[in-house]
C-alpha atoms as a PDB file:
ATOM      1  CA  MET A   1     102.023 119.325 103.776  1.00  0.00           C
ATOM      2  CA  LEU A   2     102.798 117.736 100.429  1.00  0.00           C
ATOM      3  CA  SER A   3     105.308 115.402 102.037  1.00  0.00           C
ATOM      4  CA  ARG A   4     102.398 113.552 103.677  1.00  0.00           C
ATOM      5  CA  PHE A   5     101.393 112.068 100.322  1.00  0.00           C
ATOM      6  CA  PRO A   6     103.222 109.774  97.935  1.00  0.00           C
ATOM      7  CA  HIS A   7     104.768 111.666  95.042  1.00  0.00           C
ATOM      8  CA  ASN A   8     103.401 109.178  92.513  1.00  0.00           C
ATOM      9  CA  GLN A   9      99.761 110.122  93.154  1.00  0.00           C
ATOM     10  CA  PHE A  10      99.174 112.857  90.612  1.00  0.00           C
ATOM     11  CA  LEU A  11      96.170 115.138  90.882  1.00  0.00           C
ATOM     12  CA  GLY A  12      94.870 116.605  87.661  1.00  0.00           C
ATOM     13  CA  PRO A  13      93.117 119.961  87.363  1.00  0.00           C
ATOM     14  CA  GLU A  14      89.667 118.376  87.750  1.00  0.00           C
ATOM     15  CA  ASP A  15      90.796 116.477  90.851  1.00  0.00           C
ATOM     16  CA  LEU A  16      92.240 119.625  92.407  1.00  0.00           C
ATOM     17  CA  ALA A  17      89.080 121.585  91.604  1.00  0.00           C
ATOM     18  CA  LEU A  18      86.927 118.914  93.267  1.00  0.00           C
ATOM     19  CA  CYS A  19      89.113 118.891  96.389  1.00  0.00           C
ATOM     20  CA  GLN A  20      89.075 122.703  96.481  1.00  0.00           C
ATOM     21  CA  ARG A  21      85.259 122.809  96.293  1.00  0.00           C
ATOM     22  CA  VAL A  22      84.977 120.324  99.148  1.00  0.00           C
ATOM     23  CA  PHE A  23      87.546 122.228 101.206  1.00  0.00           C
ATOM     24  CA  ASP A  24      85.730 125.528 100.590  1.00  0.00           C
ATOM     25  CA  GLN A  25      82.325 124.078 101.527  1.00  0.00           C
ATOM     26  CA  ILE A  26      83.611 122.547 104.759  1.00  0.00           C
ATOM     27  CA  CYS A  27      85.500 125.728 105.707  1.00  0.00           C
ATOM     28  CA  ALA A  28      82.372 127.811 105.153  1.00  0.00           C
ATOM     29  CA  GLY A  29      80.156 125.390 107.077  1.00  0.00           C
ATOM     30  CA  ALA A  30      82.539 125.169 110.018  1.00  0.00           C
ATOM     31  CA  SER A  31      83.499 128.891 109.966  1.00  0.00           C
ATOM     32  CA  LEU A  32      87.169 128.026 109.513  1.00  0.00           C
ATOM     33  CA  GLU A  33      89.720 130.609 108.494  1.00  0.00           C
ATOM     34  CA  ARG A  34      91.416 129.264 105.367  1.00  0.00           C
ATOM     35  CA  GLN A  35      94.869 129.939 106.819  1.00  0.00           C
ATOM     36  CA  SER A  36      94.236 128.271 110.193  1.00  0.00           C
ATOM     37  CA  ILE A  37      95.746 125.084 111.584  1.00  0.00           C
ATOM     38  CA  GLU A  38      92.284 123.499 111.441  1.00  0.00           C
ATOM     39  CA  ALA A  39      92.005 124.338 107.746  1.00  0.00           C
ATOM     40  CA  GLU A  40      95.429 122.822 107.123  1.00  0.00           C
ATOM     41  CA  ASP A  41      94.274 119.635 108.854  1.00  0.00           C
ATOM     42  CA  LEU A  42      91.120 119.739 106.752  1.00  0.00           C
ATOM     43  CA  ALA A  43      93.084 120.110 103.517  1.00  0.00           C
ATOM     44  CA  ALA A  44      95.190 117.071 104.391  1.00  0.00           C
ATOM     45  CA  ALA A  45      92.054 115.094 105.243  1.00  0.00           C
ATOM     46  CA  VAL A  46      90.375 116.051 101.962  1.00  0.00           C
ATOM     47  CA  LEU A  47      93.383 114.910  99.943  1.00  0.00           C
ATOM     48  CA  THR A  48      93.681 111.696 101.933  1.00  0.00           C
ATOM     49  CA  ALA A  49      89.984 110.943 101.545  1.00  0.00           C
ATOM     50  CA  PHE A  50      90.238 111.669  97.832  1.00  0.00           C
ATOM     51  CA  HIS A  51      93.134 109.260  97.394  1.00  0.00           C
ATOM     52  CA  CYS A  52      91.458 106.540  99.479  1.00  0.00           C
ATOM     53  CA  SER A  53      88.009 106.826  97.936  1.00  0.00           C
ATOM     54  CA  PRO A  54      86.981 104.374  95.231  1.00  0.00           C
ATOM     55  CA  ASN A  55      84.149 106.761  94.253  1.00  0.00           C
ATOM     56  CA  ARG A  56      85.721 110.141  93.821  1.00  0.00           C
ATOM     57  CA  THR A  57      82.581 112.204  93.542  1.00  0.00           C
ATOM     58  CA  GLU A  58      82.058 115.510  95.279  1.00  0.00           C
ATOM     59  CA  ALA A  59      79.078 114.154  97.223  1.00  0.00           C
ATOM     60  CA  ASP A  60      81.015 111.123  98.460  1.00  0.00           C
ATOM     61  CA  LEU A  61      84.011 113.223  99.437  1.00  0.00           C
ATOM     62  CA  LEU A  62      81.817 115.737 101.262  1.00  0.00           C
ATOM     63  CA  ALA A  63      80.080 112.927 103.138  1.00  0.00           C
ATOM     64  CA  ALA A  64      83.401 111.372 104.145  1.00  0.00           C
ATOM     65  CA  ILE A  65      84.743 114.667 105.454  1.00  0.00           C
ATOM     66  CA  ARG A  66      81.507 115.721 107.132  1.00  0.00           C
ATOM     67  CA  SER A  67      81.464 112.438 109.036  1.00  0.00           C
ATOM     68  CA  ARG A  68      84.671 113.709 110.678  1.00  0.00           C
ATOM     69  CA  ARG A  69      83.359 117.250 111.241  1.00  0.00           C
ATOM     70  CA  ASN A  70      84.427 117.404 114.890  1.00  0.00           C
ATOM     71  CA  ASP A  71      88.022 117.048 113.731  1.00  0.00           C
ATOM     72  CA  PHE A  72      87.784 120.393 111.932  1.00  0.00           C
ATOM     73  CA  GLU A  73      85.608 122.578 114.124  1.00  0.00           C
ATOM     74  CA  LYS A  74      87.163 125.804 115.256  1.00  0.00           C
ATOM     75  CA  ARG A  75      89.200 125.245 118.386  1.00  0.00           C
ATOM     76  CA  ALA A  76      88.615 127.528 121.328  1.00  0.00           C
ATOM     77  CA  GLY A  77      91.505 129.647 122.497  1.00  0.00           C
END
């Protein structure tokens, strides 16, 4: 998964903690197993949204990810 992101975009401990909180909240809200394919897609989306966001607040990141909620809902089957 790390190969999807440029190596020159460093995430500090605070950045990682923010992304983790957003990931955890979305997983809980969508009933995703943390080790599922959907959760992996979610993790990539959280990191991408974080890197692309000019306002890197938890609320903004949550809103960005929640607007794509259908992308991360548990798949049937």
